[in-house]
N, C-alpha and C. Protein backbone atom coordinates (compact mmCIF):
# COMPACT_ATOMS: atom_id res chain seq x y z
N MET A 1 0.24 -0.70 -7.47
CA MET A 1 1.66 -0.79 -7.22
C MET A 1 2.40 0.04 -8.31
N ARG A 2 3.48 0.66 -7.87
CA ARG A 2 4.20 1.45 -8.86
C ARG A 2 4.97 0.57 -9.81
N LEU A 3 5.25 1.06 -10.98
CA LEU A 3 5.97 0.33 -12.05
C LEU A 3 7.34 -0.11 -11.53
N ASP A 4 8.12 0.77 -10.94
CA ASP A 4 9.47 0.41 -10.46
C ASP A 4 9.43 -0.69 -9.44
N GLN A 5 8.45 -0.65 -8.53
CA GLN A 5 8.26 -1.65 -7.54
C GLN A 5 7.85 -2.95 -8.13
N TYR A 6 6.91 -2.94 -9.06
CA TYR A 6 6.45 -4.13 -9.69
C TYR A 6 7.55 -4.88 -10.46
N LEU A 7 8.29 -4.16 -11.30
CA LEU A 7 9.40 -4.79 -12.03
C LEU A 7 10.47 -5.45 -11.21
N SER A 8 10.82 -4.77 -10.10
CA SER A 8 11.82 -5.27 -9.24
C SER A 8 11.27 -6.50 -8.36
N THR A 9 10.02 -6.40 -7.95
CA THR A 9 9.41 -7.48 -7.12
C THR A 9 9.27 -8.71 -7.90
N VAL A 10 8.86 -8.67 -9.15
CA VAL A 10 8.68 -9.89 -9.96
C VAL A 10 10.02 -10.32 -10.60
N GLY A 11 11.08 -9.58 -10.39
CA GLY A 11 12.41 -9.99 -10.82
C GLY A 11 12.76 -9.73 -12.23
N LEU A 12 12.06 -8.85 -12.92
CA LEU A 12 12.37 -8.52 -14.34
C LEU A 12 13.56 -7.58 -14.38
N ILE A 13 13.57 -6.60 -13.46
CA ILE A 13 14.71 -5.66 -13.43
C ILE A 13 15.13 -5.62 -11.91
N LYS A 14 16.39 -5.84 -11.65
CA LYS A 14 16.80 -6.09 -10.23
C LYS A 14 16.65 -4.83 -9.34
N ARG A 15 16.95 -3.64 -9.90
CA ARG A 15 17.03 -2.46 -9.00
C ARG A 15 15.97 -1.43 -9.48
N ARG A 16 15.31 -0.81 -8.51
CA ARG A 16 14.31 0.22 -8.91
C ARG A 16 15.00 1.44 -9.52
N THR A 17 16.22 1.70 -9.17
CA THR A 17 16.95 2.82 -9.75
C THR A 17 17.16 2.53 -11.30
N ALA A 18 17.42 1.26 -11.60
CA ALA A 18 17.56 0.87 -13.00
C ALA A 18 16.23 1.13 -13.77
N VAL A 19 15.11 0.82 -13.12
CA VAL A 19 13.84 1.08 -13.77
C VAL A 19 13.66 2.56 -13.99
N LYS A 20 14.03 3.37 -13.03
CA LYS A 20 13.89 4.82 -13.17
C LYS A 20 14.78 5.32 -14.34
N GLU A 21 16.01 4.83 -14.44
CA GLU A 21 16.88 5.30 -15.51
C GLU A 21 16.33 4.90 -16.92
N MET A 22 15.76 3.62 -16.97
CA MET A 22 15.23 3.13 -18.29
C MET A 22 13.97 3.92 -18.62
N ALA A 23 13.08 4.22 -17.64
CA ALA A 23 11.88 4.95 -17.90
C ALA A 23 12.24 6.39 -18.33
N ASP A 24 13.18 7.00 -17.70
CA ASP A 24 13.61 8.36 -18.07
C ASP A 24 14.19 8.42 -19.47
N ASP A 25 14.80 7.31 -19.92
CA ASP A 25 15.31 7.22 -21.26
C ASP A 25 14.32 6.76 -22.28
N GLY A 26 13.07 6.49 -21.83
CA GLY A 26 12.03 6.11 -22.80
C GLY A 26 12.06 4.68 -23.17
N LEU A 27 12.79 3.83 -22.43
CA LEU A 27 12.87 2.39 -22.77
C LEU A 27 11.78 1.56 -22.21
N ILE A 28 10.91 2.06 -21.37
CA ILE A 28 9.82 1.30 -20.81
C ILE A 28 8.48 2.10 -21.15
N ARG A 29 7.56 1.26 -21.72
CA ARG A 29 6.25 1.85 -22.09
C ARG A 29 5.13 0.91 -21.51
N ILE A 30 4.08 1.56 -21.15
CA ILE A 30 2.86 0.84 -20.71
C ILE A 30 1.72 1.15 -21.68
N ASN A 31 1.19 0.14 -22.29
CA ASN A 31 0.07 0.28 -23.22
C ASN A 31 0.43 1.32 -24.30
N GLY A 32 1.73 1.32 -24.69
CA GLY A 32 2.18 2.14 -25.82
C GLY A 32 2.58 3.56 -25.44
N ALA A 33 2.47 3.97 -24.15
CA ALA A 33 2.78 5.27 -23.76
C ALA A 33 4.04 5.33 -22.94
N SER A 34 4.92 6.32 -23.08
CA SER A 34 6.03 6.47 -22.22
C SER A 34 5.52 6.86 -20.83
N ILE A 35 6.17 6.40 -19.82
CA ILE A 35 5.70 6.64 -18.47
C ILE A 35 6.79 7.02 -17.55
N LYS A 36 6.43 7.30 -16.29
CA LYS A 36 7.43 7.56 -15.24
C LYS A 36 7.49 6.36 -14.36
N PRO A 37 8.54 6.21 -13.52
CA PRO A 37 8.67 4.99 -12.75
C PRO A 37 7.62 4.83 -11.65
N ALA A 38 6.93 5.90 -11.27
CA ALA A 38 5.89 5.85 -10.26
C ALA A 38 4.54 5.57 -10.89
N HIS A 39 4.44 5.36 -12.20
CA HIS A 39 3.19 5.08 -12.83
C HIS A 39 2.55 3.84 -12.25
N PRO A 40 1.26 3.86 -11.93
CA PRO A 40 0.62 2.62 -11.36
C PRO A 40 0.47 1.53 -12.41
N VAL A 41 0.64 0.28 -12.00
CA VAL A 41 0.50 -0.90 -12.86
C VAL A 41 -0.79 -1.58 -12.51
N LYS A 42 -1.56 -1.89 -13.55
CA LYS A 42 -2.88 -2.56 -13.33
C LYS A 42 -2.88 -3.93 -14.09
N ILE A 43 -3.69 -4.85 -13.62
CA ILE A 43 -3.84 -6.15 -14.28
C ILE A 43 -4.36 -5.84 -15.71
N GLY A 44 -3.68 -6.51 -16.61
CA GLY A 44 -4.03 -6.38 -18.02
C GLY A 44 -3.12 -5.39 -18.79
N ASP A 45 -2.34 -4.63 -18.09
CA ASP A 45 -1.42 -3.65 -18.72
C ASP A 45 -0.39 -4.45 -19.52
N ILE A 46 -0.01 -3.83 -20.68
CA ILE A 46 1.05 -4.41 -21.55
C ILE A 46 2.29 -3.53 -21.33
N ILE A 47 3.36 -4.12 -20.83
CA ILE A 47 4.62 -3.41 -20.54
C ILE A 47 5.65 -3.84 -21.59
N ALA A 48 6.18 -2.84 -22.30
CA ALA A 48 7.29 -3.11 -23.23
C ALA A 48 8.59 -2.56 -22.62
N ILE A 49 9.54 -3.40 -22.55
CA ILE A 49 10.85 -3.01 -22.05
C ILE A 49 11.84 -3.06 -23.14
N GLY A 50 12.51 -1.98 -23.43
CA GLY A 50 13.52 -1.94 -24.51
C GLY A 50 14.90 -2.16 -23.93
N GLY A 51 15.87 -1.99 -24.78
CA GLY A 51 17.27 -2.20 -24.40
C GLY A 51 17.86 -3.49 -24.89
N SER A 52 18.93 -3.90 -24.30
CA SER A 52 19.63 -5.13 -24.81
C SER A 52 18.88 -6.38 -24.49
N HIS A 53 17.96 -6.41 -23.44
CA HIS A 53 17.15 -7.56 -23.13
C HIS A 53 15.71 -7.19 -23.27
N SER A 54 15.31 -6.74 -24.42
CA SER A 54 13.97 -6.24 -24.64
C SER A 54 12.91 -7.40 -24.53
N MET A 55 11.71 -7.05 -24.02
CA MET A 55 10.67 -7.99 -23.87
C MET A 55 9.34 -7.22 -23.68
N THR A 56 8.29 -7.92 -24.06
CA THR A 56 6.90 -7.37 -23.90
C THR A 56 6.13 -8.37 -23.05
N LEU A 57 5.39 -7.87 -22.07
CA LEU A 57 4.67 -8.71 -21.15
C LEU A 57 3.38 -8.15 -20.79
N GLU A 58 2.48 -9.03 -20.35
CA GLU A 58 1.15 -8.65 -19.88
C GLU A 58 1.12 -8.88 -18.35
N VAL A 59 0.59 -7.90 -17.60
CA VAL A 59 0.44 -8.07 -16.18
C VAL A 59 -0.70 -9.00 -15.82
N LYS A 60 -0.40 -10.12 -15.20
CA LYS A 60 -1.50 -11.08 -14.83
C LYS A 60 -2.02 -10.83 -13.42
N ASN A 61 -1.16 -10.32 -12.52
CA ASN A 61 -1.55 -10.16 -11.16
C ASN A 61 -0.59 -9.18 -10.51
N ILE A 62 -0.98 -8.53 -9.41
CA ILE A 62 -0.16 -7.62 -8.70
C ILE A 62 0.30 -8.30 -7.37
N PRO A 63 1.59 -8.38 -7.12
CA PRO A 63 2.09 -9.04 -5.86
C PRO A 63 1.78 -8.15 -4.63
N ALA A 64 1.53 -8.88 -3.55
CA ALA A 64 1.24 -8.12 -2.29
C ALA A 64 2.45 -7.99 -1.40
N GLY A 65 3.65 -8.22 -1.93
CA GLY A 65 4.87 -8.10 -1.12
C GLY A 65 5.91 -8.96 -1.82
N ASN A 66 6.96 -9.27 -0.99
CA ASN A 66 8.01 -10.14 -1.54
C ASN A 66 7.50 -11.52 -1.70
N MET A 67 8.25 -12.22 -2.69
CA MET A 67 7.80 -13.61 -2.98
C MET A 67 8.98 -14.44 -3.30
N LYS A 68 8.78 -15.71 -3.35
CA LYS A 68 9.77 -16.64 -3.76
C LYS A 68 9.98 -16.58 -5.26
N LYS A 69 11.24 -16.86 -5.74
CA LYS A 69 11.56 -16.82 -7.17
C LYS A 69 10.58 -17.70 -7.99
N GLU A 70 10.26 -18.87 -7.45
CA GLU A 70 9.41 -19.78 -8.22
C GLU A 70 8.02 -19.20 -8.52
N MET A 71 7.58 -18.23 -7.72
CA MET A 71 6.20 -17.69 -7.86
C MET A 71 6.11 -16.48 -8.80
N ARG A 72 7.28 -16.00 -9.19
CA ARG A 72 7.36 -14.71 -9.93
C ARG A 72 6.60 -14.76 -11.24
N GLU A 73 6.66 -15.87 -11.95
CA GLU A 73 5.98 -15.91 -13.28
C GLU A 73 4.51 -15.98 -13.20
N GLU A 74 3.92 -16.11 -12.00
CA GLU A 74 2.46 -16.12 -11.85
C GLU A 74 1.94 -14.62 -12.03
N PHE A 75 2.83 -13.69 -12.02
CA PHE A 75 2.42 -12.30 -12.04
C PHE A 75 2.48 -11.61 -13.42
N PHE A 76 3.15 -12.30 -14.41
CA PHE A 76 3.25 -11.73 -15.74
C PHE A 76 3.30 -12.82 -16.73
N LYS A 77 2.97 -12.50 -17.97
CA LYS A 77 3.06 -13.45 -19.12
C LYS A 77 3.82 -12.75 -20.26
N ARG A 78 4.86 -13.38 -20.67
CA ARG A 78 5.64 -12.77 -21.81
C ARG A 78 4.81 -13.01 -23.09
N ILE A 79 4.71 -11.95 -23.89
CA ILE A 79 3.86 -12.09 -25.15
C ILE A 79 4.71 -11.72 -26.35
N ASP A 80 6.01 -11.66 -26.23
CA ASP A 80 6.88 -11.37 -27.35
C ASP A 80 7.57 -12.57 -27.95
N LYS A 81 7.31 -13.72 -27.46
CA LYS A 81 8.01 -14.94 -27.84
C LYS A 81 7.43 -15.43 -29.19
């Protein structure tokens, strides 16, 4: 699954266009590397999101489509707390 699709599906960033803008500005990194919004996300990847609501998370699972809000946290684990 693409990074922009993953982040919007699991509800971390609402719009895929916002993910694109943040990635283009270097605010999103996967495993320490700057990436493009179409970069594939794999289980175990560490995603660091910068900006005013910065966070770091580990990908636990890849969703197979849309999901309920209650299920979203099954797909990532915050590791910056």
